[in-house]
Amino acid sequence: EVQLVESGGGLVQAGGSLRLSCAASGFTFDNYAIGWFRQAPGKEREGVSSISSKDGSTWYADSVKGRLTISRSNAKNTAYLQMNNLTPADTAVYYCAAVTESDYGLGYLSVAYGYGMDYWGKGTLVTVSS
């Protein structure tokens, strides 16, 4: 059974940090690019970051550049999202998702372009208080 399980969400004050984890199972993690998405109350889901499985190339939405850092450990079948200097605008449910990596390692750009993902987690809630 394919699973993506997010963890690490919670309540944090503005300016604080959180580290989200995404544990994968049931598929070959190395063959998939990973993306992080978020959905704030009353808003559409948006991609925030992604990482290639081939060379670690990354993409970030403009709204999070310089504050969020995506990483992955293929040995642990886990992806991470380090979030620093959080603001109330970052309050959302955060989801990780996986998409088949392309031969050229560009699958991670699926998040930037809004293409479909193959697998989704159920999300973890991040609440940033002012």
C-alpha atoms as a PDB file:
ATOM      1  CA  GLU A   1       0.000   0.000   0.000  1.00  0.00           C
ATOM      2  CA  VAL A   2       1.352   3.393  -0.997  1.00  0.00           C
ATOM      3  CA  GLN A   3       1.570   5.826   1.877  1.00  0.00           C
ATOM      4  CA  LEU A   4       2.858   9.322   2.422  1.00  0.00           C
ATOM      5  CA  VAL A   5       2.607  10.375   6.043  1.00  0.00           C
ATOM      6  CA  GLU A   6       3.320  13.941   7.070  1.00  0.00           C
ATOM      7  CA  SER A   7       4.313  14.907  10.589  1.00  0.00           C
ATOM      8  CA  GLY A   8       5.800  17.842  12.458  1.00  0.00           C
ATOM      9  CA  GLY A   9       2.982  20.332  12.204  1.00  0.00           C
ATOM     10  CA  GLY A  10       1.713  22.285  15.172  1.00  0.00           C
ATOM     11  CA  LEU A  11       1.240  25.698  16.705  1.00  0.00           C
ATOM     12  CA  VAL A  12       4.120  28.155  16.575  1.00  0.00           C
ATOM     13  CA  GLN A  13       4.496  31.862  17.162  1.00  0.00           C
ATOM     14  CA  ALA A  14       5.348  34.230  14.353  1.00  0.00           C
ATOM     15  CA  GLY A  15       9.066  34.176  13.709  1.00  0.00           C
ATOM     16  CA  GLY A  16       9.357  30.596  14.862  1.00  0.00           C
ATOM     17  CA  SER A  17      10.376  27.438  13.036  1.00  0.00           C
ATOM     18  CA  LEU A  18       9.004  24.007  12.295  1.00  0.00           C
ATOM     19  CA  ARG A  19      10.366  20.992  10.474  1.00  0.00           C
ATOM     20  CA  LEU A  20       7.878  18.870   8.584  1.00  0.00           C
ATOM     21  CA  SER A  21       8.612  15.280   7.632  1.00  0.00           C
ATOM     22  CA  CYS A  22       7.062  13.114   4.930  1.00  0.00           C
ATOM     23  CA  ALA A  23       7.596   9.383   5.368  1.00  0.00           C
ATOM     24  CA  ALA A  24       7.027   7.317   2.243  1.00  0.00           C
ATOM     25  CA  SER A  25       6.290   3.629   1.864  1.00  0.00           C
ATOM     26  CA  GLY A  26       4.860   1.238  -0.705  1.00  0.00           C
ATOM     27  CA  PHE A  27       6.761   2.615  -3.695  1.00  0.00           C
ATOM     28  CA  THR A  28      10.343   3.184  -4.808  1.00  0.00           C
ATOM     29  CA  PHE A  29      11.062   6.535  -3.225  1.00  0.00           C
ATOM     30  CA  ASP A  30      14.225   7.082  -5.262  1.00  0.00           C
ATOM     31  CA  ASN A  31      12.185   7.165  -8.474  1.00  0.00           C
ATOM     32  CA  TYR A  32       9.914   9.978  -7.397  1.00  0.00           C
ATOM     33  CA  ALA A  33      10.237  13.712  -7.084  1.00  0.00           C
ATOM     34  CA  ILE A  34       8.634  15.103  -3.945  1.00  0.00           C
ATOM     35  CA  GLY A  35       6.572  18.217  -3.587  1.00  0.00           C
ATOM     36  CA  TRP A  36       5.144  20.112  -0.638  1.00  0.00           C
ATOM     37  CA  PHE A  37       1.809  21.869  -0.974  1.00  0.00           C
ATOM     38  CA  ARG A  38      -0.338  23.847   1.393  1.00  0.00           C
ATOM     39  CA  GLN A  39      -3.955  24.857   1.645  1.00  0.00           C
ATOM     40  CA  ALA A  40      -4.973  27.752   3.828  1.00  0.00           C
ATOM     41  CA  PRO A  41      -8.562  28.148   5.056  1.00  0.00           C
ATOM     42  CA  GLY A  42     -10.770  29.360   2.227  1.00  0.00           C
ATOM     43  CA  LYS A  43      -7.976  29.217  -0.320  1.00  0.00           C
ATOM     44  CA  GLU A  44      -6.919  26.869  -3.070  1.00  0.00           C
ATOM     45  CA  ARG A  45      -4.092  24.434  -2.565  1.00  0.00           C
ATOM     46  CA  GLU A  46      -0.749  25.786  -3.756  1.00  0.00           C
ATOM     47  CA  GLY A  47       2.644  24.258  -4.363  1.00  0.00           C
ATOM     48  CA  VAL A  48       5.378  25.632  -2.132  1.00  0.00           C
ATOM     49  CA  SER A  49       8.448  23.545  -2.870  1.00  0.00           C
ATOM     50  CA  SER A  50       9.736  20.470  -4.645  1.00  0.00           C
ATOM     51  CA  ILE A  51      12.881  18.402  -4.981  1.00  0.00           C
ATOM     52  CA  SER A  52      14.234  16.124  -7.660  1.00  0.00           C
ATOM     53  CA  SER A  53      15.124  12.530  -6.899  1.00  0.00           C
ATOM     54  CA  LYS A  54      18.064  12.546  -9.306  1.00  0.00           C
ATOM     55  CA  ASP A  55      20.252  15.504  -8.424  1.00  0.00           C
ATOM     56  CA  GLY A  56      18.496  17.273  -5.559  1.00  0.00           C
ATOM     57  CA  SER A  57      17.411  20.219  -7.686  1.00  0.00           C
ATOM     58  CA  THR A  58      14.803  22.285  -5.917  1.00  0.00           C
ATOM     59  CA  TRP A  59      12.025  24.742  -6.647  1.00  0.00           C
ATOM     60  CA  TYR A  60      10.349  27.223  -4.282  1.00  0.00           C
ATOM     61  CA  ALA A  61       7.327  29.428  -4.595  1.00  0.00           C
ATOM     62  CA  ASP A  62       8.228  33.106  -4.397  1.00  0.00           C
ATOM     63  CA  SER A  63       6.272  33.491  -1.166  1.00  0.00           C
ATOM     64  CA  VAL A  64       8.555  31.080   0.697  1.00  0.00           C
ATOM     65  CA  LYS A  65      11.958  31.623  -0.883  1.00  0.00           C
ATOM     66  CA  GLY A  66      14.638  32.197   1.719  1.00  0.00           C
ATOM     67  CA  ARG A  67      12.472  30.864   4.552  1.00  0.00           C
ATOM     68  CA  LEU A  68      11.693  27.260   3.596  1.00  0.00           C
ATOM     69  CA  THR A  69      14.203  24.556   2.737  1.00  0.00           C
ATOM     70  CA  ILE A  70      13.270  21.242   1.215  1.00  0.00           C
ATOM     71  CA  SER A  71      15.449  18.150   1.512  1.00  0.00           C
ATOM     72  CA  ARG A  72      15.189  14.397   1.238  1.00  0.00           C
ATOM     73  CA  SER A  73      16.882  11.249   2.427  1.00  0.00           C
ATOM     74  CA  ASN A  74      16.478   8.425  -0.047  1.00  0.00           C
ATOM     75  CA  ALA A  75      18.052   6.087   2.508  1.00  0.00           C
ATOM     76  CA  LYS A  76      15.242   6.890   4.941  1.00  0.00           C
ATOM     77  CA  ASN A  77      12.465   7.242   2.344  1.00  0.00           C
ATOM     78  CA  THR A  78      11.700  10.598   3.873  1.00  0.00           C
ATOM     79  CA  ALA A  79      11.417  14.183   2.702  1.00  0.00           C
ATOM     80  CA  TYR A  80      11.605  17.257   4.894  1.00  0.00           C
ATOM     81  CA  LEU A  81      10.500  20.857   4.852  1.00  0.00           C
ATOM     82  CA  GLN A  82      12.363  23.163   7.204  1.00  0.00           C
ATOM     83  CA  MET A  83      10.301  26.280   7.780  1.00  0.00           C
ATOM     84  CA  ASN A  84      11.879  29.339   9.380  1.00  0.00           C
ATOM     85  CA  ASN A  85      10.676  32.835  10.154  1.00  0.00           C
ATOM     86  CA  LEU A  86       7.071  31.744   9.937  1.00  0.00           C
ATOM     87  CA  THR A  87       4.257  34.255   9.642  1.00  0.00           C
ATOM     88  CA  PRO A  88       0.497  33.922  10.131  1.00  0.00           C
ATOM     89  CA  ALA A  89       0.211  33.802   6.322  1.00  0.00           C
ATOM     90  CA  ASP A  90       1.919  30.407   6.469  1.00  0.00           C
ATOM     91  CA  THR A  91      -0.982  28.925   8.424  1.00  0.00           C
ATOM     92  CA  ALA A  92      -2.303  26.019   6.378  1.00  0.00           C
ATOM     93  CA  VAL A  93      -2.552  22.285   6.059  1.00  0.00           C
ATOM     94  CA  TYR A  94       0.687  21.100   4.497  1.00  0.00           C
ATOM     95  CA  TYR A  95       0.707  18.102   2.193  1.00  0.00           C
ATOM     96  CA  CYS A  96       3.515  16.147   0.637  1.00  0.00           C
ATOM     97  CA  ALA A  97       3.083  14.460  -2.711  1.00  0.00           C
ATOM     98  CA  ALA A  98       5.124  12.314  -5.064  1.00  0.00           C
ATOM     99  CA  VAL A  99       5.397  12.312  -8.841  1.00  0.00           C
ATOM    100  CA  THR A 100       7.304   9.960 -11.098  1.00  0.00           C
ATOM    101  CA  GLU A 101      10.705  11.408 -11.839  1.00  0.00           C
ATOM    102  CA  SER A 102      11.508  12.030 -15.480  1.00  0.00           C
ATOM    103  CA  ASP A 103      14.584  10.691 -17.233  1.00  0.00           C
ATOM    104  CA  TYR A 104      16.114  14.140 -17.060  1.00  0.00           C
ATOM    105  CA  GLY A 105      15.312  14.700 -13.410  1.00  0.00           C
ATOM    106  CA  LEU A 106      12.782  17.445 -14.098  1.00  0.00           C
ATOM    107  CA  GLY A 107       9.779  15.789 -12.464  1.00  0.00           C
ATOM    108  CA  TYR A 108      10.074  18.187  -9.531  1.00  0.00           C
ATOM    109  CA  LEU A 109       8.967  21.010 -11.837  1.00  0.00           C
ATOM    110  CA  SER A 110       5.534  19.385 -11.985  1.00  0.00           C
ATOM    111  CA  VAL A 111       4.828  21.265  -8.766  1.00  0.00           C
ATOM    112  CA  ALA A 112       5.860  24.591 -10.240  1.00  0.00           C
ATOM    113  CA  TYR A 113       3.723  24.039 -13.333  1.00  0.00           C
ATOM    114  CA  GLY A 114       0.698  22.678 -11.489  1.00  0.00           C
ATOM    115  CA  TYR A 115       0.818  19.230 -13.066  1.00  0.00           C
ATOM    116  CA  GLY A 116      -0.796  16.252 -11.395  1.00  0.00           C
ATOM    117  CA  MET A 117       0.967  14.272  -8.692  1.00  0.00           C
ATOM    118  CA  ASP A 118       0.847  10.504  -8.386  1.00  0.00           C
ATOM    119  CA  TYR A 119       0.499  10.113  -4.609  1.00  0.00           C
ATOM    120  CA  TRP A 120      -0.643  12.367  -1.795  1.00  0.00           C
ATOM    121  CA  GLY A 121      -0.408  12.400   1.949  1.00  0.00           C
ATOM    122  CA  LYS A 122      -3.256  13.405   4.231  1.00  0.00           C
ATOM    123  CA  GLY A 123      -1.600  16.553   5.495  1.00  0.00           C
ATOM    124  CA  THR A 124      -0.390  18.126   8.702  1.00  0.00           C
ATOM    125  CA  LEU A 125      -1.711  21.381  10.149  1.00  0.00           C
ATOM    126  CA  VAL A 126       0.612  24.317  10.722  1.00  0.00           C
ATOM    127  CA  THR A 127      -0.775  27.224  12.706  1.00  0.00           C
ATOM    128  CA  VAL A 128       1.249  30.389  13.155  1.00  0.00           C
ATOM    129  CA  SER A 129       0.033  32.814  15.780  1.00  0.00           C
ATOM    130  CA  SER A 130       0.763  36.537  15.684  1.00  0.00           C
END
